[in-house]
Amino acid sequence: MSDVRREAARAYGVLFDDPAMVDDPKRIPVYLRAKRSWFVIDTEGMVRYAKESRELIPNDEILEVLKKMQ
């Protein structure tokens, strides 16, 4: 998904957008970047799964959520 204007990342609360980050040289590279996040959204537009993680989320975990939705 392309989110050039960062609208989706902001709407889902996964955007590093704290202005104080600009004053910290170590945090500047992530300012206005999306956090690593996973969402499963059903056909009605409801978020059925949401997770932020610095690590990759196991596919099994996501597949389990998808199974429960069927």
N, C-alpha and C. Protein backbone atom coordinates (compact mmCIF):
# COMPACT_ATOMS: atom_id res chain seq x y z
N MET A 1 0.84 -1.16 0.00
CA MET A 1 0.00 0.00 0.00
C MET A 1 0.89 1.23 0.00
N SER A 2 0.57 2.18 -0.81
CA SER A 2 1.30 3.43 -0.85
C SER A 2 0.61 4.44 0.06
N ASP A 3 1.37 5.13 0.86
CA ASP A 3 0.81 6.12 1.79
C ASP A 3 1.71 7.35 1.78
N VAL A 4 1.88 7.93 0.61
CA VAL A 4 2.81 9.05 0.43
C VAL A 4 2.48 10.22 1.37
N ARG A 5 1.21 10.46 1.57
CA ARG A 5 0.80 11.58 2.44
C ARG A 5 0.71 11.18 3.92
N ARG A 6 1.01 9.93 4.19
CA ARG A 6 1.02 9.39 5.56
C ARG A 6 -0.35 9.44 6.24
N GLU A 7 -1.39 9.46 5.45
CA GLU A 7 -2.75 9.54 5.99
C GLU A 7 -3.15 8.24 6.68
N ALA A 8 -2.87 7.11 6.07
CA ALA A 8 -3.23 5.82 6.68
C ALA A 8 -2.41 5.57 7.95
N ALA A 9 -1.11 5.82 7.88
CA ALA A 9 -0.26 5.62 9.06
C ALA A 9 -0.72 6.50 10.22
N ARG A 10 -1.10 7.72 9.93
CA ARG A 10 -1.58 8.62 10.97
C ARG A 10 -2.93 8.14 11.50
N ALA A 11 -3.83 7.73 10.60
CA ALA A 11 -5.17 7.28 11.02
C ALA A 11 -5.11 6.04 11.89
N TYR A 12 -4.18 5.15 11.61
CA TYR A 12 -4.05 3.91 12.38
C TYR A 12 -3.11 4.08 13.58
N GLY A 13 -2.58 5.28 13.77
CA GLY A 13 -1.76 5.54 14.95
C GLY A 13 -0.39 4.89 14.92
N VAL A 14 0.17 4.71 13.73
CA VAL A 14 1.47 4.04 13.63
C VAL A 14 2.52 4.92 12.96
N LEU A 15 2.37 6.23 13.09
CA LEU A 15 3.33 7.16 12.49
C LEU A 15 4.21 7.76 13.57
N PHE A 16 5.50 7.73 13.37
CA PHE A 16 6.42 8.43 14.27
C PHE A 16 6.32 9.91 13.91
N ASP A 17 5.49 10.67 14.64
CA ASP A 17 5.28 12.07 14.28
C ASP A 17 5.47 13.04 15.44
N ASP A 18 6.19 12.62 16.45
CA ASP A 18 6.47 13.50 17.59
C ASP A 18 7.49 14.55 17.16
N PRO A 19 7.11 15.85 17.16
CA PRO A 19 8.04 16.90 16.74
C PRO A 19 9.34 16.94 17.54
N ALA A 20 9.32 16.43 18.77
CA ALA A 20 10.54 16.41 19.60
C ALA A 20 11.61 15.52 18.98
N MET A 21 11.22 14.63 18.08
CA MET A 21 12.18 13.73 17.45
C MET A 21 13.19 14.50 16.60
N VAL A 22 12.79 15.67 16.11
CA VAL A 22 13.67 16.47 15.25
C VAL A 22 14.88 16.97 16.03
N ASP A 23 14.72 17.13 17.33
CA ASP A 23 15.82 17.63 18.17
C ASP A 23 16.79 16.54 18.60
N ASP A 24 16.48 15.29 18.31
CA ASP A 24 17.32 14.17 18.71
C ASP A 24 17.93 13.52 17.47
N PRO A 25 19.25 13.72 17.25
CA PRO A 25 19.89 13.19 16.05
C PRO A 25 19.69 11.69 15.84
N LYS A 26 19.53 10.94 16.92
CA LYS A 26 19.33 9.49 16.79
C LYS A 26 17.92 9.13 16.32
N ARG A 27 16.97 10.04 16.55
CA ARG A 27 15.58 9.75 16.19
C ARG A 27 15.14 10.40 14.89
N ILE A 28 15.92 11.31 14.35
CA ILE A 28 15.55 11.99 13.11
C ILE A 28 15.28 11.00 11.97
N PRO A 29 16.09 9.95 11.79
CA PRO A 29 15.84 9.05 10.65
C PRO A 29 14.46 8.39 10.63
N VAL A 30 13.81 8.24 11.79
CA VAL A 30 12.50 7.60 11.79
C VAL A 30 11.34 8.60 11.82
N TYR A 31 11.65 9.88 11.99
CA TYR A 31 10.59 10.89 12.04
C TYR A 31 9.77 10.85 10.76
N LEU A 32 8.47 10.84 10.91
CA LEU A 32 7.49 10.75 9.81
C LEU A 32 7.61 9.45 9.01
N ARG A 33 8.05 8.41 9.67
CA ARG A 33 8.06 7.08 9.09
C ARG A 33 7.03 6.23 9.83
N ALA A 34 6.51 5.24 9.16
CA ALA A 34 5.53 4.35 9.79
C ALA A 34 6.25 3.31 10.64
N LYS A 35 5.64 2.97 11.75
CA LYS A 35 6.13 1.89 12.59
C LYS A 35 5.82 0.58 11.89
N ARG A 36 6.61 -0.45 12.13
CA ARG A 36 6.32 -1.76 11.55
C ARG A 36 5.04 -2.27 12.21
N SER A 37 4.02 -2.41 11.41
CA SER A 37 2.70 -2.78 11.92
C SER A 37 2.01 -3.72 10.96
N TRP A 38 1.13 -4.53 11.52
CA TRP A 38 0.34 -5.47 10.73
C TRP A 38 -1.12 -5.28 11.09
N PHE A 39 -1.97 -5.28 10.07
CA PHE A 39 -3.41 -5.17 10.29
C PHE A 39 -4.11 -6.20 9.42
N VAL A 40 -5.14 -6.81 9.96
CA VAL A 40 -6.04 -7.64 9.18
C VAL A 40 -7.39 -6.95 9.27
N ILE A 41 -7.93 -6.61 8.11
CA ILE A 41 -9.19 -5.88 8.05
C ILE A 41 -10.19 -6.74 7.29
N ASP A 42 -11.39 -6.90 7.87
CA ASP A 42 -12.38 -7.76 7.23
C ASP A 42 -13.09 -7.03 6.09
N THR A 43 -14.00 -7.73 5.43
CA THR A 43 -14.69 -7.16 4.28
C THR A 43 -15.63 -6.02 4.64
N GLU A 44 -15.96 -5.90 5.92
CA GLU A 44 -16.80 -4.80 6.39
C GLU A 44 -15.96 -3.58 6.78
N GLY A 45 -14.65 -3.71 6.71
CA GLY A 45 -13.76 -2.60 7.07
C GLY A 45 -13.38 -2.56 8.53
N MET A 46 -13.71 -3.62 9.28
CA MET A 46 -13.36 -3.68 10.71
C MET A 46 -11.96 -4.25 10.88
N VAL A 47 -11.18 -3.62 11.74
CA VAL A 47 -9.85 -4.15 12.04
C VAL A 47 -10.03 -5.34 12.97
N ARG A 48 -9.59 -6.50 12.52
CA ARG A 48 -9.72 -7.73 13.29
C ARG A 48 -8.42 -8.12 13.98
N TYR A 49 -7.35 -7.50 13.58
CA TYR A 49 -6.03 -7.82 14.15
C TYR A 49 -5.13 -6.61 13.92
N ALA A 50 -4.44 -6.23 14.94
CA ALA A 50 -3.48 -5.13 14.82
C ALA A 50 -2.32 -5.41 15.75
N LYS A 51 -1.14 -5.21 15.25
CA LYS A 51 0.03 -5.47 16.08
C LYS A 51 1.21 -4.63 15.58
N GLU A 52 1.90 -4.02 16.51
CA GLU A 52 3.16 -3.34 16.22
C GLU A 52 4.27 -4.21 16.76
N SER A 53 5.35 -4.28 16.01
CA SER A 53 6.46 -5.12 16.45
C SER A 53 7.75 -4.66 15.78
N ARG A 54 8.81 -4.66 16.53
CA ARG A 54 10.12 -4.37 15.94
C ARG A 54 10.62 -5.56 15.14
N GLU A 55 10.08 -6.72 15.45
CA GLU A 55 10.46 -7.97 14.77
C GLU A 55 9.35 -8.36 13.79
N LEU A 56 9.68 -9.25 12.90
CA LEU A 56 8.67 -9.78 12.00
C LEU A 56 7.66 -10.59 12.80
N ILE A 57 6.41 -10.48 12.42
CA ILE A 57 5.36 -11.24 13.09
C ILE A 57 5.23 -12.57 12.35
N PRO A 58 5.23 -13.68 13.09
CA PRO A 58 5.14 -14.98 12.43
C PRO A 58 3.88 -15.10 11.57
N ASN A 59 4.04 -15.66 10.38
CA ASN A 59 2.90 -15.85 9.49
C ASN A 59 1.81 -16.68 10.16
N ASP A 60 2.20 -17.63 10.98
CA ASP A 60 1.23 -18.49 11.66
C ASP A 60 0.24 -17.66 12.49
N GLU A 61 0.75 -16.62 13.10
CA GLU A 61 -0.10 -15.77 13.93
C GLU A 61 -1.16 -15.06 13.07
N ILE A 62 -0.76 -14.54 11.95
CA ILE A 62 -1.69 -13.86 11.04
C ILE A 62 -2.65 -14.87 10.42
N LEU A 63 -2.13 -16.02 10.01
CA LEU A 63 -2.98 -17.04 9.41
C LEU A 63 -4.05 -17.54 10.39
N GLU A 64 -3.70 -17.59 11.66
CA GLU A 64 -4.67 -18.00 12.68
C GLU A 64 -5.82 -17.00 12.76
N VAL A 65 -5.50 -15.73 12.70
CA VAL A 65 -6.55 -14.69 12.72
C VAL A 65 -7.43 -14.83 11.49
N LEU A 66 -6.82 -15.05 10.33
CA LEU A 66 -7.59 -15.21 9.10
C LEU A 66 -8.51 -16.42 9.16
N LYS A 67 -8.02 -17.51 9.75
CA LYS A 67 -8.83 -18.73 9.90
C LYS A 67 -10.07 -18.47 10.75
N LYS A 68 -9.87 -17.72 11.83
CA LYS A 68 -10.98 -17.43 12.74
C LYS A 68 -12.04 -16.54 12.08
N MET A 69 -11.64 -15.79 11.07
CA MET A 69 -12.57 -14.90 10.39
C MET A 69 -13.48 -15.64 9.41
N GLN A 70 -13.10 -16.83 9.00
CA GLN A 70 -13.88 -17.56 8.00
C GLN A 70 -15.13 -18.17 8.57
